[in-house]
Amino acid sequence: MSEPAPLFRVVRGRPSAEETAALTVVLVAARAARARAARQAATRAQSTWASHARALRAQPAPGQDAWRRSALPS
């Protein structure tokens, strides 16, 4: 089995082990934040107007101002 591709490559200079570790932490945290933002965008709540539950709600009872209550979200 071949080795996995490295996360990054140093092209100039000689960073210490601490500097390399700090850079690794920053890169992994940035990647995790981007993944978390993508998950939140995918699971964002649907608006009331677009929800199919609005079509399934109970119809307003007949009476005075029933037409007005029919346009209000439940």
PDB file of N, CA and C in Angstrom:
ATOM      1  N   MET A   1       0.837  -1.173   0.000  1.00  0.00           N
ATOM      2  CA  MET A   1       0.000   0.000   0.000  1.00  0.00           C
ATOM      3  C   MET A   1       0.887   1.244   0.000  1.00  0.00           C
ATOM      4  N   SER A   2       0.531   2.238  -0.755  1.00  0.00           N
ATOM      5  CA  SER A   2       1.340   3.455  -0.806  1.00  0.00           C
ATOM      6  C   SER A   2       0.985   4.385   0.344  1.00  0.00           C
ATOM      7  N   GLU A   3       1.910   5.270   0.647  1.00  0.00           N
ATOM      8  CA  GLU A   3       1.683   6.237   1.725  1.00  0.00           C
ATOM      9  C   GLU A   3       0.673   7.283   1.276  1.00  0.00           C
ATOM     10  N   PRO A   4      -0.134   7.807   2.210  1.00  0.00           N
ATOM     11  CA  PRO A   4      -1.079   8.873   1.839  1.00  0.00           C
ATOM     12  C   PRO A   4      -0.324  10.159   1.494  1.00  0.00           C
ATOM     13  N   ALA A   5      -0.936  10.977   0.688  1.00  0.00           N
ATOM     14  CA  ALA A   5      -0.316  12.242   0.299  1.00  0.00           C
ATOM     15  C   ALA A   5      -0.154  13.137   1.528  1.00  0.00           C
ATOM     16  N   PRO A   6       0.948  13.881   1.620  1.00  0.00           N
ATOM     17  CA  PRO A   6       1.146  14.752   2.787  1.00  0.00           C
ATOM     18  C   PRO A   6       0.148  15.907   2.789  1.00  0.00           C
ATOM     19  N   LEU A   7      -0.147  16.408   3.980  1.00  0.00           N
ATOM     20  CA  LEU A   7      -1.070  17.524   4.135  1.00  0.00           C
ATOM     21  C   LEU A   7      -0.480  18.793   3.534  1.00  0.00           C
ATOM     22  N   PHE A   8       0.818  18.990   3.713  1.00  0.00           N
ATOM     23  CA  PHE A   8       1.509  20.138   3.123  1.00  0.00           C
ATOM     24  C   PHE A   8       2.974  19.779   2.932  1.00  0.00           C
ATOM     25  N   ARG A   9       3.698  20.639   2.209  1.00  0.00           N
ATOM     26  CA  ARG A   9       5.105  20.399   1.926  1.00  0.00           C
ATOM     27  C   ARG A   9       5.865  21.702   2.145  1.00  0.00           C
ATOM     28  N   VAL A  10       6.967  21.646   2.847  1.00  0.00           N
ATOM     29  CA  VAL A  10       7.820  22.814   3.067  1.00  0.00           C
ATOM     30  C   VAL A  10       8.738  22.929   1.857  1.00  0.00           C
ATOM     31  N   VAL A  11       8.687  24.075   1.174  1.00  0.00           N
ATOM     32  CA  VAL A  11       9.499  24.249  -0.027  1.00  0.00           C
ATOM     33  C   VAL A  11      10.712  25.141   0.219  1.00  0.00           C
ATOM     34  N   ARG A  12      10.740  25.872   1.322  1.00  0.00           N
ATOM     35  CA  ARG A  12      11.879  26.740   1.609  1.00  0.00           C
ATOM     36  C   ARG A  12      12.035  26.867   3.118  1.00  0.00           C
ATOM     37  N   GLY A  13      13.255  26.853   3.571  1.00  0.00           N
ATOM     38  CA  GLY A  13      13.526  27.010   4.991  1.00  0.00           C
ATOM     39  C   GLY A  13      13.527  25.690   5.733  1.00  0.00           C
ATOM     40  N   ARG A  14      13.792  25.760   7.020  1.00  0.00           N
ATOM     41  CA  ARG A  14      13.825  24.571   7.879  1.00  0.00           C
ATOM     42  C   ARG A  14      13.012  24.863   9.139  1.00  0.00           C
ATOM     43  N   PRO A  15      11.692  24.641   9.094  1.00  0.00           N
ATOM     44  CA  PRO A  15      10.878  24.906  10.288  1.00  0.00           C
ATOM     45  C   PRO A  15      11.176  23.892  11.383  1.00  0.00           C
ATOM     46  N   SER A  16      11.030  24.345  12.607  1.00  0.00           N
ATOM     47  CA  SER A  16      11.224  23.439  13.749  1.00  0.00           C
ATOM     48  C   SER A  16      10.002  22.529  13.866  1.00  0.00           C
ATOM     49  N   ALA A  17      10.112  21.549  14.722  1.00  0.00           N
ATOM     50  CA  ALA A  17       8.987  20.633  14.942  1.00  0.00           C
ATOM     51  C   ALA A  17       7.780  21.384  15.490  1.00  0.00           C
ATOM     52  N   GLU A  18       8.018  22.371  16.359  1.00  0.00           N
ATOM     53  CA  GLU A  18       6.916  23.157  16.932  1.00  0.00           C
ATOM     54  C   GLU A  18       6.216  23.996  15.860  1.00  0.00           C
ATOM     55  N   GLU A  19       6.997  24.582  14.963  1.00  0.00           N
ATOM     56  CA  GLU A  19       6.400  25.385  13.879  1.00  0.00           C
ATOM     57  C   GLU A  19       5.588  24.519  12.927  1.00  0.00           C
ATOM     58  N   THR A  20       6.105  23.348  12.627  1.00  0.00           N
ATOM     59  CA  THR A  20       5.371  22.417  11.768  1.00  0.00           C
ATOM     60  C   THR A  20       4.082  21.961  12.442  1.00  0.00           C
ATOM     61  N   ALA A  21       4.151  21.690  13.741  1.00  0.00           N
ATOM     62  CA  ALA A  21       2.956  21.277  14.481  1.00  0.00           C
ATOM     63  C   ALA A  21       1.925  22.403  14.521  1.00  0.00           C
ATOM     64  N   ALA A  22       2.369  23.646  14.726  1.00  0.00           N
ATOM     65  CA  ALA A  22       1.448  24.787  14.758  1.00  0.00           C
ATOM     66  C   ALA A  22       0.765  24.961  13.413  1.00  0.00           C
ATOM     67  N   LEU A  23       1.516  24.831  12.332  1.00  0.00           N
ATOM     68  CA  LEU A  23       0.922  24.963  10.994  1.00  0.00           C
ATOM     69  C   LEU A  23      -0.082  23.847  10.739  1.00  0.00           C
ATOM     70  N   THR A  24       0.230  22.638  11.185  1.00  0.00           N
ATOM     71  CA  THR A  24      -0.698  21.512  11.025  1.00  0.00           C
ATOM     72  C   THR A  24      -2.000  21.778  11.763  1.00  0.00           C
ATOM     73  N   VAL A  25      -1.919  22.291  12.971  1.00  0.00           N
ATOM     74  CA  VAL A  25      -3.124  22.590  13.755  1.00  0.00           C
ATOM     75  C   VAL A  25      -3.978  23.625  13.047  1.00  0.00           C
ATOM     76  N   VAL A  26      -3.348  24.665  12.519  1.00  0.00           N
ATOM     77  CA  VAL A  26      -4.092  25.718  11.827  1.00  0.00           C
ATOM     78  C   VAL A  26      -4.784  25.170  10.588  1.00  0.00           C
ATOM     79  N   LEU A  27      -4.080  24.364   9.811  1.00  0.00           N
ATOM     80  CA  LEU A  27      -4.681  23.807   8.591  1.00  0.00           C
ATOM     81  C   LEU A  27      -5.834  22.856   8.899  1.00  0.00           C
ATOM     82  N   VAL A  28      -5.666  22.017   9.904  1.00  0.00           N
ATOM     83  CA  VAL A  28      -6.733  21.080  10.274  1.00  0.00           C
ATOM     84  C   VAL A  28      -7.943  21.839  10.826  1.00  0.00           C
ATOM     85  N   ALA A  29      -7.722  22.884  11.623  1.00  0.00           N
ATOM     86  CA  ALA A  29      -8.830  23.674  12.161  1.00  0.00           C
ATOM     87  C   ALA A  29      -9.574  24.403  11.043  1.00  0.00           C
ATOM     88  N   ALA A  30      -8.845  24.929  10.073  1.00  0.00           N
ATOM     89  CA  ALA A  30      -9.499  25.611   8.943  1.00  0.00           C
ATOM     90  C   ALA A  30     -10.332  24.633   8.132  1.00  0.00           C
ATOM     91  N   ARG A  31      -9.802  23.429   7.937  1.00  0.00           N
ATOM     92  CA  ARG A  31     -10.551  22.421   7.190  1.00  0.00           C
ATOM     93  C   ARG A  31     -11.816  22.002   7.939  1.00  0.00           C
ATOM     94  N   ALA A  32     -11.710  21.846   9.248  1.00  0.00           N
ATOM     95  CA  ALA A  32     -12.872  21.468  10.060  1.00  0.00           C
ATOM     96  C   ALA A  32     -13.927  22.570  10.058  1.00  0.00           C
ATOM     97  N   ALA A  33     -13.492  23.829  10.108  1.00  0.00           N
ATOM     98  CA  ALA A  33     -14.447  24.939  10.082  1.00  0.00           C
ATOM     99  C   ALA A  33     -15.181  24.983   8.753  1.00  0.00           C
ATOM    100  N   ARG A  34     -14.471  24.730   7.667  1.00  0.00           N
ATOM    101  CA  ARG A  34     -15.111  24.730   6.350  1.00  0.00           C
ATOM    102  C   ARG A  34     -16.115  23.582   6.233  1.00  0.00           C
ATOM    103  N   ALA A  35     -15.766  22.418   6.758  1.00  0.00           N
ATOM    104  CA  ALA A  35     -16.682  21.274   6.727  1.00  0.00           C
ATOM    105  C   ALA A  35     -17.910  21.540   7.592  1.00  0.00           C
ATOM    106  N   ARG A  36     -17.703  22.171   8.761  1.00  0.00           N
ATOM    107  CA  ARG A  36     -18.830  22.493   9.643  1.00  0.00           C
ATOM    108  C   ARG A  36     -19.768  23.497   8.971  1.00  0.00           C
ATOM    109  N   ALA A  37     -19.213  24.493   8.291  1.00  0.00           N
ATOM    110  CA  ALA A  37     -20.039  25.478   7.598  1.00  0.00           C
ATOM    111  C   ALA A  37     -20.825  24.830   6.463  1.00  0.00           C
ATOM    112  N   ALA A  38     -20.221  23.885   5.791  1.00  0.00           N
ATOM    113  CA  ALA A  38     -20.924  23.192   4.705  1.00  0.00           C
ATOM    114  C   ALA A  38     -22.070  22.342   5.258  1.00  0.00           C
ATOM    115  N   ARG A  39     -21.833  21.676   6.400  1.00  0.00           N
ATOM    116  CA  ARG A  39     -22.913  20.878   7.011  1.00  0.00           C
ATOM    117  C   ARG A  39     -24.055  21.766   7.465  1.00  0.00           C
ATOM    118  N   GLN A  40     -23.740  22.914   8.063  1.00  0.00           N
ATOM    119  CA  GLN A  40     -24.784  23.825   8.528  1.00  0.00           C
ATOM    120  C   GLN A  40     -25.584  24.380   7.362  1.00  0.00           C
ATOM    121  N   ALA A  41     -24.930  24.676   6.261  1.00  0.00           N
ATOM    122  CA  ALA A  41     -25.640  25.187   5.082  1.00  0.00           C
ATOM    123  C   ALA A  41     -26.557  24.116   4.507  1.00  0.00           C
ATOM    124  N   ALA A  42     -26.126  22.870   4.578  1.00  0.00           N
ATOM    125  CA  ALA A  42     -26.933  21.779   4.035  1.00  0.00           C
ATOM    126  C   ALA A  42     -28.140  21.474   4.919  1.00  0.00           C
ATOM    127  N   THR A  43     -28.029  21.717   6.216  1.00  0.00           N
ATOM    128  CA  THR A  43     -29.118  21.382   7.129  1.00  0.00           C
ATOM    129  C   THR A  43     -29.902  22.611   7.578  1.00  0.00           C
ATOM    130  N   ARG A  44     -29.715  23.717   6.872  1.00  0.00           N
ATOM    131  CA  ARG A  44     -30.419  24.938   7.241  1.00  0.00           C
ATOM    132  C   ARG A  44     -31.933  24.701   7.171  1.00  0.00           C
ATOM    133  N   ALA A  45     -32.641  25.247   8.118  1.00  0.00           N
ATOM    134  CA  ALA A  45     -34.090  25.043   8.206  1.00  0.00           C
ATOM    135  C   ALA A  45     -34.791  25.650   6.992  1.00  0.00           C
ATOM    136  N   GLN A  46     -35.816  24.975   6.548  1.00  0.00           N
ATOM    137  CA  GLN A  46     -36.595  25.435   5.418  1.00  0.00           C
ATOM    138  C   GLN A  46     -37.561  26.515   5.894  1.00  0.00           C
ATOM    139  N   SER A  47     -37.804  27.508   5.060  1.00  0.00           N
ATOM    140  CA  SER A  47     -38.707  28.575   5.450  1.00  0.00           C
ATOM    141  C   SER A  47     -40.138  28.042   5.576  1.00  0.00           C
ATOM    142  N   THR A  48     -40.947  28.737   6.325  1.00  0.00           N
ATOM    143  CA  THR A  48     -42.335  28.327   6.522  1.00  0.00           C
ATOM    144  C   THR A  48     -43.096  28.330   5.207  1.00  0.00           C
ATOM    145  N   TRP A  49     -42.803  29.276   4.344  1.00  0.00           N
ATOM    146  CA  TRP A  49     -43.520  29.362   3.073  1.00  0.00           C
ATOM    147  C   TRP A  49     -43.199  28.192   2.155  1.00  0.00           C
ATOM    148  N   ALA A  50     -41.994  27.650   2.238  1.00  0.00           N
ATOM    149  CA  ALA A  50     -41.598  26.548   1.373  1.00  0.00           C
ATOM    150  C   ALA A  50     -41.900  25.182   1.984  1.00  0.00           C
ATOM    151  N   SER A  51     -42.286  25.139   3.223  1.00  0.00           N
ATOM    152  CA  SER A  51     -42.516  23.878   3.918  1.00  0.00           C
ATOM    153  C   SER A  51     -43.774  23.190   3.403  1.00  0.00           C
ATOM    154  N   HIS A  52     -43.685  21.890   3.188  1.00  0.00           N
ATOM    155  CA  HIS A  52     -44.869  21.135   2.757  1.00  0.00           C
ATOM    156  C   HIS A  52     -45.887  21.004   3.887  1.00  0.00           C
ATOM    157  N   ALA A  53     -45.452  21.196   5.128  1.00  0.00           N
ATOM    158  CA  ALA A  53     -46.364  21.092   6.262  1.00  0.00           C
ATOM    159  C   ALA A  53     -47.431  22.173   6.211  1.00  0.00           C
ATOM    160  N   ARG A  54     -47.128  23.284   5.572  1.00  0.00           N
ATOM    161  CA  ARG A  54     -48.103  24.379   5.455  1.00  0.00           C
ATOM    162  C   ARG A  54     -49.330  23.909   4.676  1.00  0.00           C
ATOM    163  N   ALA A  55     -49.113  23.092   3.651  1.00  0.00           N
ATOM    164  CA  ALA A  55     -50.229  22.593   2.848  1.00  0.00           C
ATOM    165  C   ALA A  55     -51.051  21.558   3.612  1.00  0.00           C
ATOM    166  N   LEU A  56     -50.457  20.935   4.618  1.00  0.00           N
ATOM    167  CA  LEU A  56     -51.143  19.888   5.366  1.00  0.00           C
ATOM    168  C   LEU A  56     -51.847  20.397   6.615  1.00  0.00           C
ATOM    169  N   ARG A  57     -51.707  21.672   6.912  1.00  0.00           N
ATOM    170  CA  ARG A  57     -52.289  22.203   8.151  1.00  0.00           C
ATOM    171  C   ARG A  57     -53.811  22.211   8.080  1.00  0.00           C
ATOM    172  N   ALA A  58     -54.439  22.319   9.231  1.00  0.00           N
ATOM    173  CA  ALA A  58     -55.906  22.327   9.293  1.00  0.00           C
ATOM    174  C   ALA A  58     -56.450  23.599   8.654  1.00  0.00           C
ATOM    175  N   GLN A  59     -57.553  23.462   7.985  1.00  0.00           N
ATOM    176  CA  GLN A  59     -58.194  24.606   7.342  1.00  0.00           C
ATOM    177  C   GLN A  59     -58.837  25.485   8.410  1.00  0.00           C
ATOM    178  N   PRO A  60     -58.886  26.806   8.190  1.00  0.00           N
ATOM    179  CA  PRO A  60     -59.488  27.688   9.180  1.00  0.00           C
ATOM    180  C   PRO A  60     -61.000  27.441   9.287  1.00  0.00           C
ATOM    181  N   ALA A  61     -61.488  27.623  10.469  1.00  0.00           N
ATOM    182  CA  ALA A  61     -62.923  27.443  10.688  1.00  0.00           C
ATOM    183  C   ALA A  61     -63.675  28.606  10.043  1.00  0.00           C
ATOM    184  N   PRO A  62     -64.838  28.361   9.476  1.00  0.00           N
ATOM    185  CA  PRO A  62     -65.613  29.446   8.884  1.00  0.00           C
ATOM    186  C   PRO A  62     -66.058  30.437   9.959  1.00  0.00           C
ATOM    187  N   GLY A  63     -66.199  31.651   9.557  1.00  0.00           N
ATOM    188  CA  GLY A  63     -66.638  32.679  10.492  1.00  0.00           C
ATOM    189  C   GLY A  63     -66.135  34.041  10.045  1.00  0.00           C
ATOM    190  N   GLN A  64     -66.367  35.014  10.898  1.00  0.00           N
ATOM    191  CA  GLN A  64     -65.958  36.367  10.582  1.00  0.00           C
ATOM    192  C   GLN A  64     -64.426  36.429  10.453  1.00  0.00           C
ATOM    193  N   ASP A  65     -63.934  37.056   9.434  1.00  0.00           N
ATOM    194  CA  ASP A  65     -62.512  37.214   9.132  1.00  0.00           C
ATOM    195  C   ASP A  65     -61.790  35.895   8.841  1.00  0.00           C
ATOM    196  N   ALA A  66     -62.498  34.856   8.431  1.00  0.00           N
ATOM    197  CA  ALA A  66     -61.876  33.576   8.115  1.00  0.00           C
ATOM    198  C   ALA A  66     -60.932  33.730   6.928  1.00  0.00           C
ATOM    199  N   TRP A  67     -61.288  34.557   5.973  1.00  0.00           N
ATOM    200  CA  TRP A  67     -60.424  34.777   4.819  1.00  0.00           C
ATOM    201  C   TRP A  67     -59.086  35.368   5.242  1.00  0.00           C
ATOM    202  N   ARG A  68     -59.072  36.212   6.260  1.00  0.00           N
ATOM    203  CA  ARG A  68     -57.855  36.839   6.727  1.00  0.00           C
ATOM    204  C   ARG A  68     -56.976  35.805   7.454  1.00  0.00           C
ATOM    205  N   ARG A  69     -57.577  34.968   8.267  1.00  0.00           N
ATOM    206  CA  ARG A  69     -56.826  33.961   8.988  1.00  0.00           C
ATOM    207  C   ARG A  69     -56.251  32.903   8.041  1.00  0.00           C
ATOM    208  N   SER A  70     -56.851  32.708   6.878  1.00  0.00           N
ATOM    209  CA  SER A  70     -56.370  31.682   5.968  1.00  0.00           C
ATOM    210  C   SER A  70     -55.010  32.036   5.375  1.00  0.00           C
ATOM    211  N   ALA A  71     -54.636  33.318   5.358  1.00  0.00           N
ATOM    212  CA  ALA A  71     -53.347  33.721   4.790  1.00  0.00           C
ATOM    213  C   ALA A  71     -52.236  33.747   5.828  1.00  0.00           C
ATOM    214  N   LEU A  72     -52.571  33.623   7.096  1.00  0.00           N
ATOM    215  CA  LEU A  72     -51.544  33.679   8.135  1.00  0.00           C
ATOM    216  C   LEU A  72     -50.849  32.324   8.258  1.00  0.00           C
ATOM    217  N   PRO A  73     -49.507  32.324   8.421  1.00  0.00           N
ATOM    218  CA  PRO A  73     -48.837  31.043   8.621  1.00  0.00           C
ATOM    219  C   PRO A  73     -49.245  30.450   9.974  1.00  0.00           C
ATOM    220  N   SER A  74     -49.324  29.153   9.999  1.00  0.00           N
ATOM    221  CA  SER A  74     -49.736  28.490  11.247  1.00  0.00           C
ATOM    222  C   SER A  74     -48.597  28.272  12.174  1.00  0.00           C
TER     223      SER A  74
END
